[in-house]
Protein backbone atom coordinates (compact mmCIF):
# COMPACT_ATOMS: atom_id res chain seq x y z
CA MET A 1 36.01 -4.17 1.23
CA ALA A 2 34.53 -7.25 2.88
CA LYS A 3 36.43 -6.45 6.08
CA VAL A 4 35.16 -2.87 5.97
CA ILE A 5 31.54 -3.99 5.67
CA ALA A 6 32.04 -6.63 8.35
CA SER A 7 33.47 -3.98 10.69
CA ALA A 8 30.49 -1.72 10.09
CA LEU A 9 28.01 -4.54 10.64
CA ALA A 10 29.80 -5.50 13.86
CA ASP A 11 29.39 -1.95 15.13
CA ILE A 12 25.71 -1.93 14.16
CA GLY A 13 25.17 -5.34 15.75
CA ALA A 14 26.76 -4.17 19.00
CA GLY A 15 24.65 -1.02 18.90
CA LEU A 16 21.42 -2.96 18.39
CA LYS A 17 22.19 -5.04 21.47
CA MET A 18 22.27 -1.76 23.41
CA ARG A 19 18.88 -0.58 22.13
CA ARG A 20 17.64 0.09 25.67
CA VAL A 21 20.48 2.58 26.09
CA TRP A 22 19.81 4.66 22.97
CA MET A 23 16.04 4.49 23.41
CA ALA A 24 16.35 5.77 26.98
CA LEU A 25 18.77 8.50 25.89
CA ALA A 26 16.41 9.57 23.10
CA GLN A 27 13.49 9.85 25.53
CA GLU A 28 15.69 11.84 27.90
CA ASP A 29 16.67 14.19 25.05
CA ILE A 30 13.02 14.91 24.24
CA GLY A 31 12.28 15.63 27.89
CA ASP A 32 15.35 17.85 28.34
CA GLN A 33 14.48 19.91 25.26
CA HIS A 34 11.13 20.88 26.79
CA ARG A 35 12.01 20.95 30.47
CA ARG A 36 10.19 23.56 32.54
CA THR A 37 7.69 24.30 29.75
CA ALA A 38 3.98 24.11 30.50
CA LEU A 39 3.08 21.94 27.50
CA GLY A 40 6.27 19.92 27.15
CA PRO A 41 6.64 18.01 23.86
CA VAL A 42 3.13 19.09 22.86
CA TRP A 43 4.89 22.17 21.50
CA LEU A 44 6.12 19.91 18.67
CA LEU A 45 2.51 19.26 17.70
CA LEU A 46 1.58 22.94 17.95
CA ASN A 47 4.60 23.93 15.87
CA TYR A 48 3.53 21.56 13.10
CA LEU A 49 -0.09 22.74 13.20
CA ALA A 50 1.00 26.38 13.10
CA PHE A 51 3.08 25.83 9.96
CA ALA A 52 0.47 23.65 8.25
CA GLY A 53 -2.38 26.00 9.12
CA THR A 54 -0.46 29.02 7.84
CA PHE A 55 0.45 27.42 4.52
CA ILE A 56 -3.07 26.10 3.98
CA PHE A 57 -4.69 29.45 4.80
CA VAL A 58 -2.28 31.60 2.78
CA PHE A 59 -1.69 29.44 -0.30
CA GLN A 60 -4.86 27.38 -0.74
CA ARG A 61 -6.62 29.85 -3.03
CA GLY A 62 -3.50 30.71 -4.97
CA ASP A 63 -2.73 27.05 -5.60
CA SER A 64 -6.25 25.89 -6.35
CA SER A 65 -4.90 23.49 -8.99
CA ALA A 66 -3.93 21.07 -6.23
CA PRO A 67 -6.76 18.72 -5.26
CA HIS A 68 -7.13 18.12 -1.53
CA TYR A 69 -4.72 20.96 -0.83
CA ALA A 70 -4.96 20.66 2.97
CA ALA A 71 -3.93 17.01 2.77
CA TYR A 72 -1.24 17.93 0.24
CA VAL A 73 0.37 20.39 2.67
CA ALA A 74 -0.15 18.22 5.75
CA THR A 75 1.64 15.19 4.28
CA GLY A 76 4.32 17.31 2.64
CA LEU A 77 5.20 19.10 5.87
CA LEU A 78 5.23 15.86 7.85
CA VAL A 79 7.86 14.32 5.58
CA TRP A 80 9.84 17.51 5.02
CA PHE A 81 10.16 18.37 8.72
CA TYR A 82 11.42 14.87 9.41
CA ILE A 83 13.97 14.97 6.59
CA MET A 84 15.11 18.51 7.39
CA GLU A 85 15.60 17.83 11.09
CA THR A 86 17.38 14.54 10.43
CA LEU A 87 19.90 16.04 8.01
CA THR A 88 20.58 19.30 9.84
CA GLN A 89 21.03 17.59 13.19
CA SER A 90 23.07 14.66 11.91
CA VAL A 91 25.82 16.85 10.44
CA THR A 92 26.78 17.96 13.96
CA LEU A 93 26.11 14.63 15.68
CA PHE A 94 29.69 13.52 16.33
CA VAL A 95 30.70 17.03 17.37
CA ARG A 96 27.86 17.15 19.92
CA GLU A 97 28.76 13.70 21.22
CA GLU A 98 32.51 14.42 21.31
CA ASN A 99 32.88 13.93 25.06
CA PHE A 100 31.08 10.57 25.01
CA ILE A 101 32.97 9.36 21.93
CA LYS A 102 36.32 10.25 23.50
CA GLY A 103 35.42 9.06 26.99
CA THR A 104 33.61 5.77 26.31
CA THR A 105 33.90 2.72 24.08
CA LEU A 106 30.28 2.71 22.95
CA PRO A 107 29.69 1.75 19.31
CA LEU A 108 29.12 4.76 17.06
CA SER A 109 25.81 3.23 16.02
CA VAL A 110 24.51 3.94 19.53
CA TYR A 111 24.75 7.69 18.88
CA ILE A 112 23.32 7.25 15.39
CA MET A 113 20.32 5.26 16.62
CA ARG A 114 19.84 7.65 19.54
CA MET A 115 19.35 10.48 17.10
CA ALA A 116 17.26 8.41 14.71
CA THR A 117 14.94 7.43 17.56
CA GLN A 118 14.70 11.01 18.78
CA SER A 119 13.74 12.18 15.28
CA VAL A 120 11.01 9.53 15.05
CA MET A 121 9.64 10.55 18.45
CA ARG A 122 9.53 14.20 17.44
CA ALA A 123 7.88 13.30 14.14
CA GLY A 124 5.27 11.30 16.04
CA TYR A 125 3.78 14.53 17.39
CA ALA A 126 3.66 15.97 13.88
CA LEU A 127 1.98 12.75 12.70
CA ILE A 128 -0.84 13.35 15.19
CA GLY A 129 -1.37 16.81 13.69
CA CYS A 130 -1.19 15.44 10.15
CA LEU A 131 -3.83 12.79 10.87
CA ALA A 132 -6.05 15.45 12.45
CA ILE A 133 -5.83 17.61 9.32
CA LEU A 134 -6.51 14.60 7.09
CA ALA A 135 -9.57 13.75 9.18
CA MET A 136 -10.93 17.27 8.73
CA SER A 137 -10.11 17.46 5.02
CA ASP A 138 -12.17 16.09 2.14
CA VAL A 139 -9.74 13.27 1.40
CA ALA A 140 -11.25 9.79 1.69
CA PHE A 141 -9.66 6.99 3.69
CA THR A 142 -8.81 4.07 1.40
CA PRO A 143 -6.71 0.89 1.63
CA MET A 144 -4.10 2.80 -0.41
CA TRP A 145 -3.11 4.54 2.81
CA ALA A 146 -1.22 1.34 3.64
CA TRP A 147 1.25 2.33 0.90
CA SER A 148 1.81 5.63 2.66
CA ALA A 149 2.52 3.73 5.87
CA LEU A 150 5.01 1.58 3.95
CA ALA A 151 6.60 4.76 2.56
CA VAL A 152 7.00 6.15 6.07
CA LEU A 153 8.75 2.93 7.11
CA LEU A 154 11.07 3.23 4.11
CA ILE A 155 11.98 6.79 5.09
CA ILE A 156 12.59 5.76 8.70
CA PHE A 157 14.73 2.84 7.50
CA THR A 158 16.79 5.22 5.36
CA ALA A 159 17.33 7.74 8.16
CA PRO A 160 20.16 5.95 10.04
CA ALA A 161 22.14 5.67 6.80
CA ALA A 162 21.66 9.38 6.12
CA ILE A 163 22.59 10.24 9.71
CA THR A 164 25.79 8.16 9.47
CA THR A 165 26.81 9.74 6.17
CA PHE A 166 26.18 13.32 7.26
CA ALA A 167 27.69 12.77 10.72
CA PHE A 168 31.00 11.74 9.16
CA LEU A 169 30.73 14.64 6.73
CA GLY A 170 30.31 17.06 9.63
CA GLY A 171 33.06 15.41 11.66
CA TYR A 172 35.67 15.67 8.91
CA PHE A 173 34.46 18.91 7.29
CA PRO A 174 33.10 21.23 10.03
CA ASP A 175 32.00 23.89 7.54
CA SER A 176 29.48 21.43 6.12
CA GLN A 177 27.13 22.07 9.05
CA PHE A 178 26.54 25.62 7.82
CA LEU A 179 26.28 24.50 4.21
CA VAL A 180 23.71 21.80 4.99
CA SER A 181 21.72 24.06 7.29
CA ASN A 182 21.45 26.80 4.66
CA LEU A 183 20.66 24.37 1.87
CA MET A 184 17.83 22.82 3.86
CA ARG A 185 16.33 26.25 4.61
CA ILE A 186 16.36 27.08 0.91
CA GLY A 187 15.30 23.55 0.05
CA MET A 188 11.95 23.98 1.75
CA PHE A 189 10.98 26.50 -0.92
CA LEU A 190 12.51 24.50 -3.79
CA THR A 191 10.72 21.32 -2.74
CA PRO A 192 6.97 20.90 -3.41
CA VAL A 193 6.00 20.99 0.24
CA PHE A 194 3.23 23.57 -0.25
CA TRP A 195 3.33 24.29 -4.01
CA THR A 196 2.49 22.17 -7.02
CA PRO A 197 4.14 21.83 -10.45
CA GLY A 198 2.68 23.60 -13.44
CA GLY A 199 3.63 24.45 -17.01
CA HIS A 200 7.15 23.99 -18.32
CA GLY A 201 9.07 26.63 -16.36
CA ILE A 202 11.75 26.42 -13.73
CA ARG A 203 9.14 25.53 -11.14
CA ASN A 204 8.45 22.32 -13.02
CA ALA A 205 12.19 21.58 -13.14
CA PHE A 206 12.52 22.02 -9.39
CA TYR A 207 9.69 19.51 -8.97
CA TYR A 208 10.98 16.72 -11.17
CA PHE A 209 14.74 17.08 -10.58
CA ASN A 210 14.53 17.45 -6.81
CA PRO A 211 15.19 14.07 -5.12
CA PHE A 212 13.21 15.13 -2.05
CA THR A 213 10.10 15.38 -4.23
CA TYR A 214 9.91 11.63 -4.54
CA PHE A 215 10.14 11.01 -0.81
CA LEU A 216 7.17 13.35 -0.42
CA GLU A 217 5.31 11.65 -3.25
CA ILE A 218 5.50 8.11 -1.87
CA VAL A 219 3.72 9.31 1.28
CA ARG A 220 1.44 11.88 -0.33
CA ILE A 221 0.07 10.30 -3.52
CA PRO A 222 -1.53 7.16 -2.01
CA ILE A 223 -3.49 9.45 0.31
CA ILE A 224 -4.59 12.27 -1.98
CA ALA A 225 -4.82 10.34 -5.27
CA ALA A 226 -5.46 6.75 -4.09
CA ASN A 227 -2.66 5.65 -6.39
CA VAL A 228 0.73 3.98 -5.95
CA PRO A 229 3.68 6.03 -7.31
CA VAL A 230 5.70 3.01 -8.40
CA ARG A 231 8.54 4.97 -10.02
CA SER A 232 8.90 7.16 -6.96
CA PHE A 233 9.05 4.09 -4.72
CA ILE A 234 11.76 2.56 -6.92
CA PHE A 235 13.75 5.80 -6.95
CA CYS A 236 13.54 6.15 -3.15
CA ALA A 237 14.51 2.52 -2.65
CA ILE A 238 17.59 3.06 -4.85
CA ILE A 239 18.53 6.20 -2.89
CA SER A 240 18.10 4.25 0.35
CA ALA A 241 20.33 1.42 -0.89
CA LEU A 242 23.01 3.86 -2.04
CA LEU A 243 22.96 5.71 1.29
CA TRP A 244 23.27 2.45 3.20
CA GLY A 245 26.19 1.44 1.00
CA VAL A 246 27.99 4.72 1.65
CA ALA A 247 27.14 4.59 5.37
CA LEU A 248 28.52 1.07 5.80
CA ILE A 249 31.75 1.98 4.02
CA LEU A 250 32.24 5.14 6.10
CA LEU A 251 31.39 3.38 9.34
CA GLY A 252 33.66 0.46 8.58
CA ARG A 253 36.62 2.59 7.51
CA LEU A 254 36.40 5.59 9.83
CA ARG A 255 34.64 4.55 13.04
CA LYS A 256 37.96 4.13 14.88
CA GLN A 257 39.56 7.24 13.36
CA VAL A 258 36.76 9.77 13.89
CA VAL A 259 37.82 10.33 17.51
CA PHE A 260 41.06 11.90 16.27
CA VAL A 261 39.36 14.59 14.17
CA LEU A 262 36.93 15.80 16.82
């Protein structure tokens, strides 16, 4: 096992030394995705605002039990869009990069960090929209917002591990891309992105037994409740550690074999 972890860390170390490569590739990806459009990547901001504005307008009165509902939706969508994009895109990562993987000797972590960086860049536009909604809402700025910033860093830190895990899943089990994509579409409605828990029904169960809930909470609660969700932070930290453990094992064992299954 020590050799497996050492192999994975060697790949990651080599990839980090090539950070200029994957950062440049990520910037190129963002530009290519919006080439020949009038607004370019600003469409990412408009897309976020359109979703947030729709949910706030349609559901605010019906979910009046949620204090600071605009902030509730804005923070929930910010985190959910980042998680959803990261997972759905990562499951096809090695398939998309097949030609590069077969034709070059770049560390696999280069492709992983390329996608992780691209996801952060895309989420940056949504963050601008989220901050704008928070500024216009009735939520007060407090030092507790620093905990939300820490939560965002934890989520970003966890992303490469999730990308690695799901990329190997998609590489070895191609059908998983459709399974993950469908689950994430359904997951948006089973995760408290725009609805709140209440009573003791199935809705409450979906709130408390959904692991994504806690990643939303660590960003959301310090902002809307000026409180630190300690248990949620601990749970998310454990999930992050487990994902990194799985990612290191997969990367160490399979990084040289994945080329043969693509």
